[in-house]
PDB file of N, CA and C in Angstrom:
ATOM      1  N   MET A   1       0.814  -1.191   0.000  1.00  0.00           N
ATOM      2  CA  MET A   1       0.000   0.000   0.000  1.00  0.00           C
ATOM      3  C   MET A   1       0.865   1.264   0.000  1.00  0.00           C
ATOM      4  N   HIS A   2       1.852   1.316   0.879  1.00  0.00           N
ATOM      5  CA  HIS A   2       2.701   2.499   0.947  1.00  0.00           C
ATOM      6  C   HIS A   2       4.050   2.220   0.309  1.00  0.00           C
ATOM      7  N   LYS A   3       4.576   3.219  -0.329  1.00  0.00           N
ATOM      8  CA  LYS A   3       5.930   3.137  -0.861  1.00  0.00           C
ATOM      9  C   LYS A   3       6.537   4.512  -0.674  1.00  0.00           C
ATOM     10  N   ASP A   4       7.444   4.635   0.278  1.00  0.00           N
ATOM     11  CA  ASP A   4       8.090   5.916   0.573  1.00  0.00           C
ATOM     12  C   ASP A   4       7.065   7.020   0.814  1.00  0.00           C
ATOM     13  N   ASN A   5       6.136   6.754   1.739  1.00  0.00           N
ATOM     14  CA  ASN A   5       5.097   7.718   2.135  1.00  0.00           C
ATOM     15  C   ASN A   5       4.154   8.097   1.004  1.00  0.00           C
ATOM     16  N   ILE A   6       3.994   7.234   0.024  1.00  0.00           N
ATOM     17  CA  ILE A   6       3.044   7.464  -1.063  1.00  0.00           C
ATOM     18  C   ILE A   6       2.017   6.342  -1.021  1.00  0.00           C
ATOM     19  N   PHE A   7       0.760   6.688  -1.019  1.00  0.00           N
ATOM     20  CA  PHE A   7      -0.313   5.700  -1.024  1.00  0.00           C
ATOM     21  C   PHE A   7      -0.493   5.176  -2.441  1.00  0.00           C
ATOM     22  N   VAL A   8      -0.415   3.857  -2.603  1.00  0.00           N
ATOM     23  CA  VAL A   8      -0.532   3.231  -3.915  1.00  0.00           C
ATOM     24  C   VAL A   8      -1.942   2.676  -4.066  1.00  0.00           C
ATOM     25  N   VAL A   9      -2.642   3.100  -5.110  1.00  0.00           N
ATOM     26  CA  VAL A   9      -4.011   2.671  -5.377  1.00  0.00           C
ATOM     27  C   VAL A   9      -3.999   1.737  -6.582  1.00  0.00           C
ATOM     28  N   ASP A  10      -4.715   0.634  -6.452  1.00  0.00           N
ATOM     29  CA  ASP A  10      -4.866  -0.290  -7.575  1.00  0.00           C
ATOM     30  C   ASP A  10      -6.107   0.129  -8.362  1.00  0.00           C
ATOM     31  N   PRO A  11      -5.936   0.682  -9.553  1.00  0.00           N
ATOM     32  CA  PRO A  11      -7.090   1.175 -10.310  1.00  0.00           C
ATOM     33  C   PRO A  11      -8.033   0.080 -10.789  1.00  0.00           C
ATOM     34  N   THR A  12      -7.610  -1.176 -10.715  1.00  0.00           N
ATOM     35  CA  THR A  12      -8.482  -2.269 -11.144  1.00  0.00           C
ATOM     36  C   THR A  12      -9.467  -2.676 -10.054  1.00  0.00           C
ATOM     37  N   LEU A  13      -9.246  -2.200  -8.828  1.00  0.00           N
ATOM     38  CA  LEU A  13     -10.122  -2.536  -7.705  1.00  0.00           C
ATOM     39  C   LEU A  13     -11.046  -1.367  -7.396  1.00  0.00           C
ATOM     40  N   PRO A  14     -12.196  -1.643  -6.758  1.00  0.00           N
ATOM     41  CA  PRO A  14     -13.122  -0.563  -6.402  1.00  0.00           C
ATOM     42  C   PRO A  14     -12.456   0.475  -5.487  1.00  0.00           C
ATOM     43  N   HIS A  15     -12.842   1.715  -5.666  1.00  0.00           N
ATOM     44  CA  HIS A  15     -12.266   2.810  -4.878  1.00  0.00           C
ATOM     45  C   HIS A  15     -12.485   2.590  -3.374  1.00  0.00           C
ATOM     46  N   ASP A  16     -13.679   2.157  -2.986  1.00  0.00           N
ATOM     47  CA  ASP A  16     -13.982   1.904  -1.579  1.00  0.00           C
ATOM     48  C   ASP A  16     -13.079   0.820  -0.995  1.00  0.00           C
ATOM     49  N   TYR A  17     -12.773  -0.188  -1.800  1.00  0.00           N
ATOM     50  CA  TYR A  17     -11.897  -1.275  -1.359  1.00  0.00           C
ATOM     51  C   TYR A  17     -10.499  -0.728  -1.055  1.00  0.00           C
ATOM     52  N   ASN A  18      -9.976   0.109  -1.941  1.00  0.00           N
ATOM     53  CA  ASN A  18      -8.651   0.697  -1.724  1.00  0.00           C
ATOM     54  C   ASN A  18      -8.613   1.547  -0.456  1.00  0.00           C
ATOM     55  N   ILE A  19      -9.665   2.316  -0.217  1.00  0.00           N
ATOM     56  CA  ILE A  19      -9.721   3.151   0.982  1.00  0.00           C
ATOM     57  C   ILE A  19      -9.766   2.281   2.231  1.00  0.00           C
ATOM     58  N   ALA A  20     -10.576   1.226   2.196  1.00  0.00           N
ATOM     59  CA  ALA A  20     -10.676   0.336   3.353  1.00  0.00           C
ATOM     60  C   ALA A  20      -9.338  -0.323   3.650  1.00  0.00           C
ATOM     61  N   LEU A  21      -8.613  -0.734   2.624  1.00  0.00           N
ATOM     62  CA  LEU A  21      -7.289  -1.328   2.839  1.00  0.00           C
ATOM     63  C   LEU A  21      -6.339  -0.322   3.479  1.00  0.00           C
ATOM     64  N   TYR A  22      -6.396   0.915   3.021  1.00  0.00           N
ATOM     65  CA  TYR A  22      -5.546   1.952   3.584  1.00  0.00           C
ATOM     66  C   TYR A  22      -5.853   2.153   5.074  1.00  0.00           C
ATOM     67  N   VAL A  23      -7.122   2.230   5.418  1.00  0.00           N
ATOM     68  CA  VAL A  23      -7.517   2.429   6.812  1.00  0.00           C
ATOM     69  C   VAL A  23      -7.075   1.249   7.670  1.00  0.00           C
ATOM     70  N   LEU A  24      -7.278   0.032   7.170  1.00  0.00           N
ATOM     71  CA  LEU A  24      -6.857  -1.154   7.915  1.00  0.00           C
ATOM     72  C   LEU A  24      -5.352  -1.171   8.122  1.00  0.00           C
ATOM     73  N   GLU A  25      -4.603  -0.806   7.103  1.00  0.00           N
ATOM     74  CA  GLU A  25      -3.146  -0.772   7.217  1.00  0.00           C
ATOM     75  C   GLU A  25      -2.701   0.243   8.263  1.00  0.00           C
ATOM     76  N   GLU A  26      -3.336   1.409   8.279  1.00  0.00           N
ATOM     77  CA  GLU A  26      -2.995   2.438   9.265  1.00  0.00           C
ATOM     78  C   GLU A  26      -3.328   1.971  10.681  1.00  0.00           C
ATOM     79  N   LEU A  27      -4.486   1.323  10.857  1.00  0.00           N
ATOM     80  CA  LEU A  27      -4.856   0.806  12.183  1.00  0.00           C
ATOM     81  C   LEU A  27      -3.852  -0.220  12.674  1.00  0.00           C
ATOM     82  N   CYS A  28      -3.379  -1.053  11.777  1.00  0.00           N
ATOM     83  CA  CYS A  28      -2.398  -2.070  12.141  1.00  0.00           C
ATOM     84  C   CYS A  28      -1.047  -1.423  12.450  1.00  0.00           C
ATOM     85  N   ALA A  29      -0.639  -0.468  11.654  1.00  0.00           N
ATOM     86  CA  ALA A  29       0.646   0.206  11.863  1.00  0.00           C
ATOM     87  C   ALA A  29       0.676   0.957  13.196  1.00  0.00           C
ATOM     88  N   LYS A  30      -0.476   1.467  13.633  1.00  0.00           N
ATOM     89  CA  LYS A  30      -0.539   2.211  14.890  1.00  0.00           C
ATOM     90  C   LYS A  30      -0.777   1.303  16.088  1.00  0.00           C
ATOM     91  N   GLY A  31      -0.925  -0.003  15.855  1.00  0.00           N
ATOM     92  CA  GLY A  31      -1.101  -0.949  16.949  1.00  0.00           C
ATOM     93  C   GLY A  31      -2.518  -1.041  17.476  1.00  0.00           C
ATOM     94  N   ILE A  32      -3.475  -0.479  16.766  1.00  0.00           N
ATOM     95  CA  ILE A  32      -4.867  -0.538  17.208  1.00  0.00           C
ATOM     96  C   ILE A  32      -5.454  -1.920  16.955  1.00  0.00           C
ATOM     97  N   ILE A  33      -5.089  -2.521  15.819  1.00  0.00           N
ATOM     98  CA  ILE A  33      -5.447  -3.917  15.542  1.00  0.00           C
ATOM     99  C   ILE A  33      -4.155  -4.672  15.278  1.00  0.00           C
ATOM    100  N   ASP A  34      -4.198  -5.994  15.491  1.00  0.00           N
ATOM    101  CA  ASP A  34      -2.994  -6.786  15.220  1.00  0.00           C
ATOM    102  C   ASP A  34      -3.085  -7.406  13.826  1.00  0.00           C
ATOM    103  N   ILE A  35      -2.041  -8.089  13.436  1.00  0.00           N
ATOM    104  CA  ILE A  35      -1.951  -8.636  12.077  1.00  0.00           C
ATOM    105  C   ILE A  35      -3.032  -9.682  11.820  1.00  0.00           C
ATOM    106  N   PHE A  36      -3.446 -10.403  12.853  1.00  0.00           N
ATOM    107  CA  PHE A  36      -4.481 -11.414  12.675  1.00  0.00           C
ATOM    108  C   PHE A  36      -5.840 -10.766  12.411  1.00  0.00           C
ATOM    109  N   GLU A  37      -6.132  -9.695  13.125  1.00  0.00           N
ATOM    110  CA  GLU A  37      -7.369  -8.952  12.872  1.00  0.00           C
ATOM    111  C   GLU A  37      -7.332  -8.307  11.491  1.00  0.00           C
ATOM    112  N   LEU A  38      -6.163  -7.836  11.086  1.00  0.00           N
ATOM    113  CA  LEU A  38      -6.008  -7.262   9.754  1.00  0.00           C
ATOM    114  C   LEU A  38      -6.296  -8.306   8.686  1.00  0.00           C
ATOM    115  N   ALA A  39      -5.721  -9.495   8.843  1.00  0.00           N
ATOM    116  CA  ALA A  39      -5.938 -10.560   7.867  1.00  0.00           C
ATOM    117  C   ALA A  39      -7.406 -10.959   7.797  1.00  0.00           C
ATOM    118  N   GLU A  40      -8.059 -11.059   8.946  1.00  0.00           N
ATOM    119  CA  GLU A  40      -9.479 -11.413   8.978  1.00  0.00           C
ATOM    120  C   GLU A  40     -10.326 -10.338   8.293  1.00  0.00           C
ATOM    121  N   ALA A  41     -10.018  -9.076   8.564  1.00  0.00           N
ATOM    122  CA  ALA A  41     -10.762  -7.978   7.958  1.00  0.00           C
ATOM    123  C   ALA A  41     -10.567  -7.934   6.442  1.00  0.00           C
ATOM    124  N   VAL A  42      -9.346  -8.162   5.977  1.00  0.00           N
ATOM    125  CA  VAL A  42      -9.079  -8.161   4.537  1.00  0.00           C
ATOM    126  C   VAL A  42      -9.819  -9.311   3.871  1.00  0.00           C
ATOM    127  N   ASN A  43      -9.840 -10.470   4.520  1.00  0.00           N
ATOM    128  CA  ASN A  43     -10.551 -11.624   3.970  1.00  0.00           C
ATOM    129  C   ASN A  43     -12.049 -11.318   3.843  1.00  0.00           C
ATOM    130  N   LEU A  44     -12.640 -10.722   4.872  1.00  0.00           N
ATOM    131  CA  LEU A  44     -14.061 -10.357   4.821  1.00  0.00           C
ATOM    132  C   LEU A  44     -14.318  -9.281   3.766  1.00  0.00           C
ATOM    133  N   LEU A  45     -13.404  -8.347   3.656  1.00  0.00           N
ATOM    134  CA  LEU A  45     -13.537  -7.288   2.654  1.00  0.00           C
ATOM    135  C   LEU A  45     -13.483  -7.858   1.241  1.00  0.00           C
ATOM    136  N   ARG A  46     -12.573  -8.795   1.016  1.00  0.00           N
ATOM    137  CA  ARG A  46     -12.461  -9.412  -0.308  1.00  0.00           C
ATOM    138  C   ARG A  46     -13.725 -10.213  -0.641  1.00  0.00           C
ATOM    139  N   LYS A  47     -14.309 -10.873   0.369  1.00  0.00           N
ATOM    140  CA  LYS A  47     -15.561 -11.596   0.136  1.00  0.00           C
ATOM    141  C   LYS A  47     -16.685 -10.627  -0.216  1.00  0.00           C
ATOM    142  N   LYS A  48     -16.713  -9.468   0.457  1.00  0.00           N
ATOM    143  CA  LYS A  48     -17.752  -8.472   0.181  1.00  0.00           C
ATOM    144  C   LYS A  48     -17.707  -8.001  -1.269  1.00  0.00           C
ATOM    145  N   TYR A  49     -16.523  -7.846  -1.800  1.00  0.00           N
ATOM    146  CA  TYR A  49     -16.361  -7.376  -3.180  1.00  0.00           C
ATOM    147  C   TYR A  49     -16.213  -8.521  -4.179  1.00  0.00           C
ATOM    148  N   ASP A  50     -16.540  -9.725  -3.758  1.00  0.00           N
ATOM    149  CA  ASP A  50     -16.473 -10.936  -4.602  1.00  0.00           C
ATOM    150  C   ASP A  50     -15.114 -11.098  -5.272  1.00  0.00           C
ATOM    151  N   LEU A  51     -14.053 -10.890  -4.495  1.00  0.00           N
ATOM    152  CA  LEU A  51     -12.691 -11.101  -4.969  1.00  0.00           C
ATOM    153  C   LEU A  51     -12.197 -12.447  -4.439  1.00  0.00           C
ATOM    154  N   PRO A  52     -11.263 -13.083  -5.115  1.00  0.00           N
ATOM    155  CA  PRO A  52     -10.758 -14.373  -4.629  1.00  0.00           C
ATOM    156  C   PRO A  52     -10.146 -14.230  -3.230  1.00  0.00           C
ATOM    157  N   THR A  53     -10.360 -15.224  -2.408  1.00  0.00           N
ATOM    158  CA  THR A  53      -9.810 -15.230  -1.057  1.00  0.00           C
ATOM    159  C   THR A  53      -8.937 -16.455  -0.875  1.00  0.00           C
ATOM    160  N   ILE A  54      -8.143 -16.431   0.180  1.00  0.00           N
ATOM    161  CA  ILE A  54      -7.281 -17.557   0.528  1.00  0.00           C
ATOM    162  C   ILE A  54      -7.774 -18.102   1.863  1.00  0.00           C
ATOM    163  N   ASN A  55      -8.007 -19.423   1.936  1.00  0.00           N
ATOM    164  CA  ASN A  55      -8.432 -19.971   3.221  1.00  0.00           C
ATOM    165  C   ASN A  55      -7.212 -20.198   4.109  1.00  0.00           C
ATOM    166  N   ILE A  56      -7.407 -20.648   5.329  1.00  0.00           N
ATOM    167  CA  ILE A  56      -6.307 -20.771   6.283  1.00  0.00           C
ATOM    168  C   ILE A  56      -5.282 -21.816   5.871  1.00  0.00           C
ATOM    169  N   TYR A  57      -5.625 -22.680   4.949  1.00  0.00           N
ATOM    170  CA  TYR A  57      -4.686 -23.702   4.497  1.00  0.00           C
ATOM    171  C   TYR A  57      -3.897 -23.260   3.267  1.00  0.00           C
ATOM    172  N   GLY A  58      -4.113 -22.025   2.814  1.00  0.00           N
ATOM    173  CA  GLY A  58      -3.360 -21.492   1.695  1.00  0.00           C
ATOM    174  C   GLY A  58      -3.888 -21.895   0.336  1.00  0.00           C
ATOM    175  N   LYS A  59      -5.070 -22.516   0.313  1.00  0.00           N
ATOM    176  CA  LYS A  59      -5.674 -22.935  -0.951  1.00  0.00           C
ATOM    177  C   LYS A  59      -6.619 -21.853  -1.426  1.00  0.00           C
ATOM    178  N   LYS A  60      -6.581 -21.543  -2.696  1.00  0.00           N
ATOM    179  CA  LYS A  60      -7.445 -20.497  -3.250  1.00  0.00           C
ATOM    180  C   LYS A  60      -8.904 -20.940  -3.155  1.00  0.00           C
ATOM    181  N   ASP A  61      -9.732 -20.032  -2.685  1.00  0.00           N
ATOM    182  CA  ASP A  61     -11.168 -20.297  -2.529  1.00  0.00           C
ATOM    183  C   ASP A  61     -11.870 -19.840  -3.810  1.00  0.00           C
ATOM    184  N   ASN A  62     -12.457 -20.788  -4.524  1.00  0.00           N
ATOM    185  CA  ASN A  62     -13.120 -20.454  -5.779  1.00  0.00           C
ATOM    186  C   ASN A  62     -14.526 -19.927  -5.573  1.00  0.00           C
ATOM    187  N   ASN A  63     -15.063 -20.087  -4.363  1.00  0.00           N
ATOM    188  CA  ASN A  63     -16.407 -19.611  -4.072  1.00  0.00           C
ATOM    189  C   ASN A  63     -16.324 -18.570  -2.960  1.00  0.00           C
ATOM    190  N   PRO A  64     -16.088 -17.287  -3.296  1.00  0.00           N
ATOM    191  CA  PRO A  64     -15.879 -16.278  -2.274  1.00  0.00           C
ATOM    192  C   PRO A  64     -17.103 -15.973  -1.426  1.00  0.00           C
ATOM    193  N   SER A  65     -18.269 -16.493  -1.776  1.00  0.00           N
ATOM    194  CA  SER A  65     -19.465 -16.201  -0.988  1.00  0.00           C
ATOM    195  C   SER A  65     -19.553 -17.046   0.279  1.00  0.00           C
ATOM    196  N   ASN A  66     -18.697 -18.050   0.440  1.00  0.00           N
ATOM    197  CA  ASN A  66     -18.731 -18.907   1.641  1.00  0.00           C
ATOM    198  C   ASN A  66     -18.005 -18.266   2.781  1.00  0.00           C
TER     199      ASN A  66
END
């Protein structure tokens, strides 16, 4: 997300998704949430936007609605 204090936006993803990732990253960097909460939130966010997710075993989930 950040590269030398520059916020990097992926134009192929929804604008709201990019903003949510930025906010989650900042919360994690400030110690408000830990890396596990960050991972859980990103997984839920990806499911909301019907993007591919990774399950806990590292296998790609082909059905993001589960």
